[in-house]
Amino acid sequence: MRRGTEEIPGYSYGLAEVARSTVSVEQLAELKVSAGFTEEDERYLRLAGQVLGDQVEQVVHHWRNDIIASIPSLARHSRTPEGEAIPAYLERSNARFCQWILDTCLRPYDQDWINYQQEIGLRHTSLKKNEVDGVRSSPYVPMRDVIAFTAVMNKTIKPYLTSNGNSADEVEKMHTAWCKSIQIQMALWVGPYADTKQAPKEW
């Protein structure tokens, strides 16, 4: 059984310590239009959250252990500079990774959600990477790696959406909604990287 969000190390969704994003709810609404994200997508994303709810640990294990671990340029971001594993770091970040899937599907896309997207972006840059968990690992995750890996996440999430006996049409709509949400999140995560005075040359 998953732990409550208050028990997830480093998970600060909705807390005062999370800085307010410069992106407003109104601007997010414009991003939704740009991505073609509709009220129907919202409904199917909620359905996806119900389907994925008991599978998030499996999904993250698949991503982290079966895929990322086999790609040196990605695996290094959860290891020491010498290439040694950091089990506690993986455990903590995996718990947040699991919760991110649920937040993607089930949280309202309000100002708290927008703010936390900025926080996630920051935690991939040198401004905050390793800070939350107090570890010694790669100084940042290049934005190009983050963007490229979304193709893998989008492809590999789909089989998990079929596990609840939903129709092929429902699965397709859940998957489409998921992909649109990820596209929107990428647009928000790029913000911290775009400020080259704070995170130079981290694309």
N, C-alpha and C. Protein backbone atom coordinates (compact mmCIF):
# COMPACT_ATOMS: atom_id res chain seq x y z
N MET A 1 0.85 -1.20 0.00
CA MET A 1 0.00 0.00 0.00
C MET A 1 0.89 1.25 0.00
N ARG A 2 0.51 2.24 -0.79
CA ARG A 2 1.30 3.46 -0.85
C ARG A 2 1.17 4.26 0.44
N ARG A 3 2.25 4.99 0.76
CA ARG A 3 2.22 5.86 1.92
C ARG A 3 1.44 7.11 1.61
N GLY A 4 0.95 7.79 2.68
CA GLY A 4 0.30 9.07 2.48
C GLY A 4 1.31 10.09 2.00
N THR A 5 0.84 11.13 1.34
CA THR A 5 1.76 12.12 0.78
C THR A 5 2.62 12.78 1.85
N GLU A 6 2.07 12.89 3.08
CA GLU A 6 2.85 13.50 4.15
C GLU A 6 4.04 12.64 4.57
N GLU A 7 4.04 11.38 4.15
CA GLU A 7 5.12 10.46 4.50
C GLU A 7 6.15 10.31 3.39
N ILE A 8 5.95 11.02 2.28
CA ILE A 8 6.89 10.93 1.16
C ILE A 8 8.02 11.93 1.38
N PRO A 9 9.25 11.48 1.56
CA PRO A 9 10.37 12.40 1.80
C PRO A 9 10.54 13.42 0.68
N GLY A 10 10.62 14.68 1.04
CA GLY A 10 10.87 15.71 0.05
C GLY A 10 9.68 16.13 -0.77
N TYR A 11 8.51 15.56 -0.49
CA TYR A 11 7.32 15.91 -1.26
C TYR A 11 6.67 17.12 -0.60
N SER A 12 6.67 18.24 -1.29
CA SER A 12 6.22 19.50 -0.68
C SER A 12 5.07 20.16 -1.41
N TYR A 13 4.28 19.36 -2.10
CA TYR A 13 3.16 19.88 -2.88
C TYR A 13 2.25 20.73 -1.99
N GLY A 14 1.96 21.95 -2.43
CA GLY A 14 1.01 22.81 -1.74
C GLY A 14 1.54 23.49 -0.49
N LEU A 15 2.82 23.26 -0.15
CA LEU A 15 3.39 23.86 1.05
C LEU A 15 3.94 25.26 0.75
N ALA A 16 4.05 26.06 1.81
CA ALA A 16 4.49 27.44 1.65
C ALA A 16 5.91 27.53 1.13
N GLU A 17 6.71 26.50 1.36
CA GLU A 17 8.11 26.51 0.92
C GLU A 17 8.25 26.44 -0.60
N VAL A 18 7.19 26.07 -1.28
CA VAL A 18 7.22 26.01 -2.75
C VAL A 18 6.93 27.40 -3.30
N ALA A 19 7.87 27.95 -4.04
CA ALA A 19 7.71 29.31 -4.57
C ALA A 19 6.57 29.39 -5.57
N ARG A 20 5.92 30.53 -5.59
CA ARG A 20 4.84 30.74 -6.55
C ARG A 20 5.43 30.90 -7.95
N SER A 21 4.85 30.20 -8.88
CA SER A 21 5.29 30.27 -10.27
C SER A 21 4.88 31.60 -10.89
N THR A 22 5.64 32.03 -11.87
CA THR A 22 5.27 33.22 -12.62
C THR A 22 4.14 32.93 -13.60
N VAL A 23 3.84 31.63 -13.78
CA VAL A 23 2.74 31.23 -14.67
C VAL A 23 1.44 31.24 -13.88
N SER A 24 0.43 31.89 -14.40
CA SER A 24 -0.85 32.00 -13.73
C SER A 24 -1.82 30.92 -14.21
N VAL A 25 -2.92 30.78 -13.50
CA VAL A 25 -3.96 29.85 -13.92
C VAL A 25 -4.49 30.24 -15.30
N GLU A 26 -4.57 31.54 -15.54
CA GLU A 26 -5.05 32.01 -16.84
C GLU A 26 -4.08 31.62 -17.96
N GLN A 27 -2.80 31.72 -17.69
CA GLN A 27 -1.80 31.33 -18.69
C GLN A 27 -1.79 29.82 -18.89
N LEU A 28 -2.03 29.07 -17.82
CA LEU A 28 -2.15 27.62 -17.96
C LEU A 28 -3.32 27.27 -18.87
N ALA A 29 -4.43 28.02 -18.71
CA ALA A 29 -5.59 27.79 -19.57
C ALA A 29 -5.22 27.98 -21.04
N GLU A 30 -4.35 28.94 -21.32
CA GLU A 30 -3.90 29.16 -22.69
C GLU A 30 -3.04 27.99 -23.17
N LEU A 31 -2.19 27.47 -22.26
CA LEU A 31 -1.37 26.31 -22.62
C LEU A 31 -2.25 25.09 -22.93
N LYS A 32 -3.32 24.93 -22.17
CA LYS A 32 -4.24 23.82 -22.42
C LYS A 32 -4.83 23.93 -23.83
N VAL A 33 -5.19 25.14 -24.20
CA VAL A 33 -5.75 25.35 -25.55
C VAL A 33 -4.69 25.01 -26.59
N SER A 34 -3.46 25.45 -26.36
CA SER A 34 -2.37 25.18 -27.30
C SER A 34 -2.13 23.69 -27.46
N ALA A 35 -2.28 22.93 -26.36
CA ALA A 35 -2.05 21.48 -26.39
C ALA A 35 -3.31 20.71 -26.78
N GLY A 36 -4.42 21.42 -26.97
CA GLY A 36 -5.68 20.74 -27.31
C GLY A 36 -6.25 19.96 -26.14
N PHE A 37 -5.92 20.37 -24.92
CA PHE A 37 -6.36 19.67 -23.71
C PHE A 37 -7.74 20.17 -23.32
N THR A 38 -8.73 19.29 -23.39
CA THR A 38 -10.12 19.67 -23.20
C THR A 38 -10.70 19.11 -21.91
N GLU A 39 -11.96 19.45 -21.64
CA GLU A 39 -12.65 18.90 -20.46
C GLU A 39 -12.78 17.38 -20.59
N GLU A 40 -12.94 16.88 -21.81
CA GLU A 40 -12.98 15.43 -22.00
C GLU A 40 -11.65 14.81 -21.60
N ASP A 41 -10.55 15.48 -21.95
CA ASP A 41 -9.23 14.98 -21.55
C ASP A 41 -9.12 14.94 -20.03
N GLU A 42 -9.65 15.95 -19.36
CA GLU A 42 -9.62 15.97 -17.89
C GLU A 42 -10.34 14.76 -17.33
N ARG A 43 -11.49 14.44 -17.89
CA ARG A 43 -12.27 13.29 -17.41
C ARG A 43 -11.50 11.98 -17.62
N TYR A 44 -10.89 11.85 -18.78
CA TYR A 44 -10.17 10.61 -19.06
C TYR A 44 -8.85 10.53 -18.31
N LEU A 45 -8.28 11.67 -17.96
CA LEU A 45 -7.08 11.65 -17.13
C LEU A 45 -7.44 11.18 -15.72
N ARG A 46 -8.60 11.59 -15.22
CA ARG A 46 -9.06 11.11 -13.91
C ARG A 46 -9.28 9.59 -13.96
N LEU A 47 -9.85 9.13 -15.05
CA LEU A 47 -10.05 7.69 -15.21
C LEU A 47 -8.71 6.97 -15.25
N ALA A 48 -7.74 7.57 -15.93
CA ALA A 48 -6.40 6.98 -15.97
C ALA A 48 -5.82 6.88 -14.57
N GLY A 49 -6.06 7.89 -13.76
CA GLY A 49 -5.56 7.86 -12.39
C GLY A 49 -6.15 6.72 -11.59
N GLN A 50 -7.43 6.42 -11.82
CA GLN A 50 -8.07 5.30 -11.14
C GLN A 50 -7.46 3.98 -11.59
N VAL A 51 -7.20 3.87 -12.88
CA VAL A 51 -6.63 2.64 -13.43
C VAL A 51 -5.19 2.44 -12.95
N LEU A 52 -4.44 3.53 -12.91
CA LEU A 52 -3.02 3.44 -12.57
C LEU A 52 -2.77 3.41 -11.06
N GLY A 53 -3.77 3.76 -10.28
CA GLY A 53 -3.60 3.95 -8.84
C GLY A 53 -2.82 2.86 -8.14
N ASP A 54 -3.13 1.61 -8.42
CA ASP A 54 -2.46 0.49 -7.75
C ASP A 54 -1.26 -0.03 -8.53
N GLN A 55 -0.89 0.68 -9.59
CA GLN A 55 0.21 0.20 -10.43
C GLN A 55 1.40 1.15 -10.48
N VAL A 56 1.31 2.26 -9.76
CA VAL A 56 2.36 3.28 -9.93
C VAL A 56 3.75 2.76 -9.56
N GLU A 57 3.82 1.90 -8.51
CA GLU A 57 5.13 1.35 -8.15
C GLU A 57 5.69 0.49 -9.28
N GLN A 58 4.83 -0.29 -9.94
CA GLN A 58 5.26 -1.11 -11.06
C GLN A 58 5.75 -0.24 -12.22
N VAL A 59 5.01 0.83 -12.48
CA VAL A 59 5.38 1.72 -13.59
C VAL A 59 6.75 2.34 -13.33
N VAL A 60 6.93 2.89 -12.15
CA VAL A 60 8.19 3.55 -11.82
C VAL A 60 9.35 2.54 -11.79
N HIS A 61 9.09 1.35 -11.30
CA HIS A 61 10.13 0.30 -11.32
C HIS A 61 10.52 -0.01 -12.77
N HIS A 62 9.53 -0.09 -13.64
CA HIS A 62 9.79 -0.34 -15.06
C HIS A 62 10.67 0.78 -15.63
N TRP A 63 10.28 2.02 -15.38
CA TRP A 63 11.03 3.15 -15.92
C TRP A 63 12.45 3.20 -15.36
N ARG A 64 12.55 3.08 -14.04
CA ARG A 64 13.84 3.27 -13.39
C ARG A 64 14.76 2.05 -13.54
N ASN A 65 14.24 0.86 -13.26
CA ASN A 65 15.09 -0.33 -13.23
C ASN A 65 15.29 -1.00 -14.59
N ASP A 66 14.23 -0.98 -15.42
CA ASP A 66 14.31 -1.68 -16.70
C ASP A 66 14.80 -0.79 -17.84
N ILE A 67 14.62 0.52 -17.69
CA ILE A 67 14.97 1.41 -18.80
C ILE A 67 16.10 2.37 -18.42
N ILE A 68 15.85 3.24 -17.45
CA ILE A 68 16.85 4.25 -17.10
C ILE A 68 18.17 3.61 -16.67
N ALA A 69 18.07 2.54 -15.87
CA ALA A 69 19.30 1.90 -15.36
C ALA A 69 20.18 1.35 -16.48
N SER A 70 19.59 1.10 -17.65
CA SER A 70 20.35 0.54 -18.77
C SER A 70 20.89 1.61 -19.71
N ILE A 71 20.61 2.88 -19.39
CA ILE A 71 21.06 3.99 -20.22
C ILE A 71 22.02 4.84 -19.39
N PRO A 72 23.32 4.70 -19.57
CA PRO A 72 24.30 5.39 -18.72
C PRO A 72 24.08 6.89 -18.59
N SER A 73 23.72 7.54 -19.69
CA SER A 73 23.56 9.00 -19.65
C SER A 73 22.39 9.43 -18.78
N LEU A 74 21.45 8.50 -18.53
CA LEU A 74 20.32 8.79 -17.65
C LEU A 74 20.57 8.24 -16.24
N ALA A 75 21.12 7.04 -16.17
CA ALA A 75 21.34 6.39 -14.87
C ALA A 75 22.25 7.22 -13.97
N ARG A 76 23.17 7.96 -14.56
CA ARG A 76 24.15 8.70 -13.75
C ARG A 76 23.50 9.75 -12.86
N HIS A 77 22.28 10.17 -13.20
CA HIS A 77 21.65 11.24 -12.43
C HIS A 77 21.12 10.77 -11.08
N SER A 78 21.14 9.47 -10.83
CA SER A 78 20.75 8.97 -9.51
C SER A 78 21.90 8.18 -8.87
N ARG A 79 23.11 8.42 -9.37
CA ARG A 79 24.31 7.78 -8.83
C ARG A 79 25.32 8.84 -8.39
N THR A 80 26.34 8.40 -7.70
CA THR A 80 27.42 9.33 -7.33
C THR A 80 28.23 9.68 -8.57
N PRO A 81 29.04 10.71 -8.52
CA PRO A 81 29.89 11.05 -9.66
C PRO A 81 30.81 9.90 -10.06
N GLU A 82 31.09 9.00 -9.11
CA GLU A 82 31.94 7.84 -9.40
C GLU A 82 31.14 6.66 -9.96
N GLY A 83 29.84 6.82 -10.08
CA GLY A 83 29.01 5.78 -10.65
C GLY A 83 28.44 4.79 -9.65
N GLU A 84 28.57 5.08 -8.37
CA GLU A 84 28.05 4.17 -7.35
C GLU A 84 26.57 4.43 -7.10
N ALA A 85 25.84 3.36 -6.82
CA ALA A 85 24.41 3.48 -6.54
C ALA A 85 24.19 4.21 -5.22
N ILE A 86 23.04 4.89 -5.14
CA ILE A 86 22.64 5.57 -3.90
C ILE A 86 21.24 5.06 -3.55
N PRO A 87 21.13 3.90 -2.93
CA PRO A 87 19.83 3.27 -2.69
C PRO A 87 18.81 4.17 -1.99
N ALA A 88 19.23 4.91 -0.97
CA ALA A 88 18.29 5.77 -0.24
C ALA A 88 17.73 6.87 -1.15
N TYR A 89 18.59 7.39 -2.02
CA TYR A 89 18.17 8.42 -2.96
C TYR A 89 17.12 7.86 -3.93
N LEU A 90 17.37 6.67 -4.43
CA LEU A 90 16.42 6.03 -5.33
C LEU A 90 15.07 5.79 -4.64
N GLU A 91 15.13 5.32 -3.42
CA GLU A 91 13.89 5.03 -2.71
C GLU A 91 13.06 6.30 -2.52
N ARG A 92 13.72 7.37 -2.12
CA ARG A 92 13.01 8.63 -1.87
C ARG A 92 12.47 9.23 -3.16
N SER A 93 13.32 9.27 -4.18
CA SER A 93 12.89 9.87 -5.45
C SER A 93 11.85 9.01 -6.15
N ASN A 94 11.94 7.68 -5.99
CA ASN A 94 10.93 6.81 -6.58
C ASN A 94 9.56 7.05 -5.97
N ALA A 95 9.53 7.30 -4.66
CA ALA A 95 8.26 7.58 -4.00
C ALA A 95 7.65 8.86 -4.57
N ARG A 96 8.48 9.86 -4.82
CA ARG A 96 7.97 11.10 -5.41
C ARG A 96 7.56 10.88 -6.86
N PHE A 97 8.29 10.02 -7.56
CA PHE A 97 7.97 9.69 -8.95
C PHE A 97 6.58 9.03 -9.02
N CYS A 98 6.33 8.11 -8.10
CA CYS A 98 5.01 7.46 -8.04
C CYS A 98 3.92 8.50 -7.80
N GLN A 99 4.16 9.39 -6.86
CA GLN A 99 3.16 10.40 -6.55
C GLN A 99 2.95 11.36 -7.72
N TRP A 100 4.02 11.60 -8.47
CA TRP A 100 3.88 12.48 -9.65
C TRP A 100 2.88 11.90 -10.65
N ILE A 101 2.88 10.60 -10.83
CA ILE A 101 1.91 9.98 -11.74
C ILE A 101 0.50 10.27 -11.25
N LEU A 102 0.27 10.10 -9.96
CA LEU A 102 -1.05 10.34 -9.40
C LEU A 102 -1.42 11.82 -9.47
N ASP A 103 -0.45 12.69 -9.20
CA ASP A 103 -0.72 14.13 -9.30
C ASP A 103 -1.08 14.53 -10.72
N THR A 104 -0.40 13.90 -11.69
CA THR A 104 -0.69 14.19 -13.10
C THR A 104 -2.14 13.87 -13.43
N CYS A 105 -2.62 12.77 -12.89
CA CYS A 105 -3.96 12.31 -13.25
C CYS A 105 -5.08 12.86 -12.37
N LEU A 106 -4.79 13.07 -11.10
CA LEU A 106 -5.87 13.31 -10.15
C LEU A 106 -5.90 14.69 -9.50
N ARG A 107 -4.83 15.42 -9.51
CA ARG A 107 -4.82 16.75 -8.91
C ARG A 107 -5.55 17.75 -9.80
N PRO A 108 -6.21 18.74 -9.20
CA PRO A 108 -6.75 19.83 -10.02
C PRO A 108 -5.59 20.68 -10.53
N TYR A 109 -5.69 21.11 -11.75
CA TYR A 109 -4.62 21.92 -12.32
C TYR A 109 -4.83 23.38 -11.94
N ASP A 110 -4.57 23.66 -10.66
CA ASP A 110 -4.73 25.00 -10.11
C ASP A 110 -3.36 25.63 -9.86
N GLN A 111 -3.33 26.74 -9.09
CA GLN A 111 -2.05 27.41 -8.89
C GLN A 111 -1.07 26.55 -8.11
N ASP A 112 -1.55 25.76 -7.15
CA ASP A 112 -0.65 24.85 -6.42
C ASP A 112 0.01 23.86 -7.38
N TRP A 113 -0.77 23.35 -8.32
CA TRP A 113 -0.22 22.40 -9.30
C TRP A 113 0.83 23.08 -10.17
N ILE A 114 0.52 24.29 -10.61
CA ILE A 114 1.46 25.05 -11.44
C ILE A 114 2.75 25.30 -10.66
N ASN A 115 2.59 25.72 -9.40
CA ASN A 115 3.77 26.00 -8.58
C ASN A 115 4.66 24.76 -8.44
N TYR A 116 4.02 23.60 -8.29
CA TYR A 116 4.83 22.40 -8.08
C TYR A 116 5.51 21.95 -9.36
N GLN A 117 4.94 22.29 -10.50
CA GLN A 117 5.64 21.99 -11.76
C GLN A 117 6.93 22.79 -11.83
N GLN A 118 6.87 24.03 -11.38
CA GLN A 118 8.09 24.83 -11.34
C GLN A 118 9.10 24.20 -10.39
N GLU A 119 8.62 23.73 -9.23
CA GLU A 119 9.51 23.08 -8.26
C GLU A 119 10.16 21.84 -8.86
N ILE A 120 9.38 21.04 -9.59
CA ILE A 120 9.94 19.85 -10.23
C ILE A 120 11.03 20.24 -11.23
N GLY A 121 10.74 21.28 -12.02
CA GLY A 121 11.74 21.75 -12.97
C GLY A 121 13.02 22.18 -12.26
N LEU A 122 12.87 22.96 -11.18
CA LEU A 122 14.02 23.44 -10.42
C LEU A 122 14.85 22.28 -9.88
N ARG A 123 14.17 21.22 -9.44
CA ARG A 123 14.88 20.09 -8.85
C ARG A 123 15.65 19.27 -9.87
N HIS A 124 15.47 19.58 -11.15
CA HIS A 124 16.26 18.94 -12.19
C HIS A 124 17.43 19.82 -12.61
N THR A 125 17.46 21.07 -12.15
CA THR A 125 18.55 21.98 -12.48
C THR A 125 19.54 22.04 -11.32
N SER A 126 20.67 22.71 -11.53
CA SER A 126 21.68 22.84 -10.49
C SER A 126 21.22 23.70 -9.33
N LEU A 127 20.10 24.39 -9.50
CA LEU A 127 19.59 25.22 -8.42
C LEU A 127 19.09 24.39 -7.25
N LYS A 128 18.54 23.18 -7.56
CA LYS A 128 17.95 22.39 -6.47
C LYS A 128 18.23 20.89 -6.54
N LYS A 129 18.83 20.41 -7.62
CA LYS A 129 19.07 18.97 -7.69
C LYS A 129 19.98 18.54 -6.52
N ASN A 130 19.65 17.44 -5.92
CA ASN A 130 20.39 16.86 -4.78
C ASN A 130 20.10 17.56 -3.45
N GLU A 131 19.55 18.77 -3.51
CA GLU A 131 19.34 19.55 -2.29
C GLU A 131 18.34 18.90 -1.34
N VAL A 132 17.22 18.46 -1.89
CA VAL A 132 16.15 17.92 -1.05
C VAL A 132 16.59 16.67 -0.30
N ASP A 133 17.36 15.82 -0.98
CA ASP A 133 17.77 14.55 -0.38
C ASP A 133 19.18 14.59 0.20
N GLY A 134 19.88 15.69 0.02
CA GLY A 134 21.21 15.83 0.59
C GLY A 134 22.19 14.79 0.11
N VAL A 135 22.19 14.54 -1.21
CA VAL A 135 23.08 13.54 -1.77
C VAL A 135 24.13 14.18 -2.69
N ARG A 136 25.10 13.38 -3.08
CA ARG A 136 26.14 13.81 -4.01
C ARG A 136 25.95 13.02 -5.30
N SER A 137 25.39 13.69 -6.29
CA SER A 137 25.12 13.04 -7.57
C SER A 137 25.42 14.04 -8.68
N SER A 138 24.93 13.76 -9.89
CA SER A 138 25.16 14.69 -10.99
C SER A 138 24.58 16.05 -10.60
N PRO A 139 25.20 17.15 -11.03
CA PRO A 139 24.75 18.47 -10.60
C PRO A 139 23.41 18.91 -11.19
N TYR A 140 23.04 18.34 -12.33
CA TYR A 140 21.75 18.67 -12.94
C TYR A 140 21.42 17.62 -14.00
N VAL A 141 20.15 17.61 -14.40
CA VAL A 141 19.70 16.74 -15.48
C VAL A 141 19.47 17.63 -16.70
N PRO A 142 20.20 17.46 -17.78
CA PRO A 142 19.98 18.31 -18.96
C PRO A 142 18.53 18.26 -19.43
N MET A 143 18.02 19.41 -19.79
CA MET A 143 16.62 19.48 -20.23
C MET A 143 16.38 18.58 -21.43
N ARG A 144 17.37 18.43 -22.28
CA ARG A 144 17.19 17.59 -23.47
C ARG A 144 16.91 16.13 -23.08
N ASP A 145 17.53 15.68 -21.96
CA ASP A 145 17.27 14.32 -21.49
C ASP A 145 15.85 14.18 -20.95
N VAL A 146 15.40 15.20 -20.24
CA VAL A 146 14.04 15.19 -19.69
C VAL A 146 13.02 15.12 -20.81
N ILE A 147 13.19 15.97 -21.80
CA ILE A 147 12.25 16.00 -22.92
C ILE A 147 12.27 14.69 -23.70
N ALA A 148 13.46 14.18 -23.98
CA ALA A 148 13.57 12.96 -24.78
C ALA A 148 12.93 11.77 -24.07
N PHE A 149 13.08 11.69 -22.75
CA PHE A 149 12.56 10.53 -22.03
C PHE A 149 11.04 10.53 -21.95
N THR A 150 10.40 11.66 -22.21
CA THR A 150 8.94 11.67 -22.19
C THR A 150 8.37 10.74 -23.27
N ALA A 151 9.10 10.57 -24.36
CA ALA A 151 8.64 9.65 -25.41
C ALA A 151 8.54 8.23 -24.86
N VAL A 152 9.50 7.86 -24.03
CA VAL A 152 9.49 6.52 -23.42
C VAL A 152 8.35 6.40 -22.41
N MET A 153 8.18 7.42 -21.58
CA MET A 153 7.10 7.38 -20.59
C MET A 153 5.73 7.28 -21.27
N ASN A 154 5.56 8.06 -22.32
CA ASN A 154 4.27 8.05 -23.01
C ASN A 154 3.98 6.70 -23.66
N LYS A 155 5.01 6.09 -24.23
CA LYS A 155 4.81 4.80 -24.88
C LYS A 155 4.56 3.69 -23.86
N THR A 156 5.34 3.67 -22.80
CA THR A 156 5.29 2.55 -21.87
C THR A 156 4.15 2.64 -20.86
N ILE A 157 3.52 3.80 -20.72
CA ILE A 157 2.39 3.91 -19.79
C ILE A 157 1.14 3.23 -20.37
N LYS A 158 1.06 3.15 -21.67
CA LYS A 158 -0.17 2.68 -22.30
C LYS A 158 -0.57 1.25 -21.89
N PRO A 159 0.35 0.28 -21.87
CA PRO A 159 -0.06 -1.07 -21.46
C PRO A 159 -0.69 -1.11 -20.07
N TYR A 160 -0.24 -0.24 -19.19
CA TYR A 160 -0.82 -0.21 -17.84
C TYR A 160 -2.25 0.32 -17.85
N LEU A 161 -2.57 1.11 -18.85
CA LEU A 161 -3.93 1.67 -18.96
C LEU A 161 -4.93 0.63 -19.45
N THR A 162 -4.43 -0.49 -19.95
CA THR A 162 -5.32 -1.55 -20.45
C THR A 162 -5.70 -2.57 -19.38
N SER A 163 -5.14 -2.42 -18.19
CA SER A 163 -5.23 -3.49 -17.18
C SER A 163 -6.58 -3.60 -16.48
N ASN A 164 -7.45 -2.62 -16.66
CA ASN A 164 -8.70 -2.60 -15.91
C ASN A 164 -9.91 -3.00 -16.74
N GLY A 165 -9.66 -3.51 -17.94
CA GLY A 165 -10.76 -3.98 -18.77
C GLY A 165 -11.52 -2.88 -19.49
N ASN A 166 -10.96 -1.68 -19.56
CA ASN A 166 -11.63 -0.60 -20.30
C ASN A 166 -11.58 -0.88 -21.79
N SER A 167 -12.52 -0.30 -22.52
CA SER A 167 -12.58 -0.51 -23.96
C SER A 167 -11.36 0.10 -24.63
N ALA A 168 -11.09 -0.34 -25.84
CA ALA A 168 -9.96 0.19 -26.60
C ALA A 168 -10.09 1.70 -26.80
N ASP A 169 -11.32 2.16 -27.00
CA ASP A 169 -11.56 3.60 -27.18
C ASP A 169 -11.24 4.36 -25.89
N GLU A 170 -11.63 3.81 -24.75
CA GLU A 170 -11.34 4.46 -23.47
C GLU A 170 -9.84 4.50 -23.20
N VAL A 171 -9.17 3.41 -23.50
CA VAL A 171 -7.72 3.36 -23.30
C VAL A 171 -7.03 4.41 -24.17
N GLU A 172 -7.48 4.51 -25.41
CA GLU A 172 -6.89 5.48 -26.33
C GLU A 172 -7.10 6.90 -25.81
N LYS A 173 -8.29 7.17 -25.29
CA LYS A 173 -8.59 8.52 -24.79
C LYS A 173 -7.81 8.81 -23.51
N MET A 174 -7.64 7.82 -22.66
CA MET A 174 -6.83 8.01 -21.46
C MET A 174 -5.39 8.31 -21.84
N HIS A 175 -4.89 7.56 -22.81
CA HIS A 175 -3.50 7.74 -23.24
C HIS A 175 -3.30 9.10 -23.89
N THR A 176 -4.24 9.51 -24.70
CA THR A 176 -4.15 10.83 -25.34
C THR A 176 -4.13 11.93 -24.30
N ALA A 177 -5.00 11.81 -23.29
CA ALA A 177 -5.07 12.81 -22.22
C ALA A 177 -3.75 12.86 -21.46
N TRP A 178 -3.18 11.69 -21.17
CA TRP A 178 -1.90 11.61 -20.48
C TRP A 178 -0.82 12.33 -21.29
N CYS A 179 -0.73 12.03 -22.57
CA CYS A 179 0.30 12.62 -23.43
C CYS A 179 0.18 14.14 -23.50
N LYS A 180 -1.05 14.63 -23.57
CA LYS A 180 -1.26 16.09 -23.60
C LYS A 180 -0.81 16.72 -22.28
N SER A 181 -1.11 16.06 -21.18
CA SER A 181 -0.69 16.59 -19.88
C SER A 181 0.83 16.64 -19.79
N ILE A 182 1.49 15.61 -20.25
CA ILE A 182 2.95 15.59 -20.19
C ILE A 182 3.53 16.72 -21.04
N GLN A 183 2.91 16.97 -22.18
CA GLN A 183 3.37 18.07 -23.04
C GLN A 183 3.25 19.41 -22.32
N ILE A 184 2.14 19.60 -21.62
CA ILE A 184 1.94 20.83 -20.86
C ILE A 184 2.97 20.93 -19.74
N GLN A 185 3.21 19.82 -19.05
CA GLN A 185 4.19 19.85 -17.97
C GLN A 185 5.59 20.16 -18.48
N MET A 186 5.94 19.62 -19.65
CA MET A 186 7.24 19.94 -20.22
C MET A 186 7.36 21.44 -20.47
N ALA A 187 6.26 22.03 -20.94
CA ALA A 187 6.27 23.47 -21.21
C ALA A 187 6.50 24.26 -19.92
N LEU A 188 6.00 23.73 -18.79
CA LEU A 188 6.18 24.40 -17.51
C LEU A 188 7.56 24.11 -16.92
N TRP A 189 8.04 22.88 -17.08
CA TRP A 189 9.35 22.52 -16.50
C TRP A 189 10.49 23.28 -17.17
N VAL A 190 10.29 23.67 -18.42
CA VAL A 190 11.39 24.32 -19.14
C VAL A 190 11.69 25.71 -18.57
N GLY A 191 10.74 26.27 -17.80
CA GLY A 191 10.90 27.61 -17.25
C GLY A 191 12.20 27.82 -16.50
N PRO A 192 12.51 27.00 -15.48
CA PRO A 192 13.76 27.19 -14.75
C PRO A 192 15.01 27.06 -15.63
N TYR A 193 14.94 26.21 -16.64
CA TYR A 193 16.08 26.05 -17.55
C TYR A 193 16.23 27.28 -18.45
N ALA A 194 15.13 27.95 -18.73
CA ALA A 194 15.16 29.09 -19.65
C ALA A 194 15.86 30.29 -19.04
N ASP A 195 15.91 30.35 -17.70
CA ASP A 195 16.60 31.46 -17.03
C ASP A 195 18.09 31.11 -16.95
N THR A 196 18.82 31.44 -17.98
CA THR A 196 20.22 31.03 -18.07
C THR A 196 21.11 31.73 -17.05
N LYS A 197 20.61 32.80 -16.42
CA LYS A 197 21.39 33.44 -15.36
C LYS A 197 21.43 32.56 -14.12
N GLN A 198 20.37 31.75 -13.95
CA GLN A 198 20.30 30.87 -12.79
C GLN A 198 20.81 29.47 -13.12
N ALA A 199 20.45 28.96 -14.28
CA ALA A 199 20.84 27.60 -14.65
C ALA A 199 21.51 27.64 -16.03
N PRO A 200 22.72 28.15 -16.11
CA PRO A 200 23.38 28.33 -17.42
C PRO A 200 23.81 27.01 -18.04
N LYS A 201 23.64 26.94 -19.33
CA LYS A 201 24.14 25.82 -20.12
C LYS A 201 23.65 24.46 -19.61
N GLU A 202 22.41 24.39 -19.17
CA GLU A 202 21.88 23.12 -18.67
C GLU A 202 20.83 22.52 -19.60
N TRP A 203 20.71 23.07 -20.79
CA TRP A 203 19.80 22.52 -21.79
C TRP A 203 20.24 21.12 -22.16
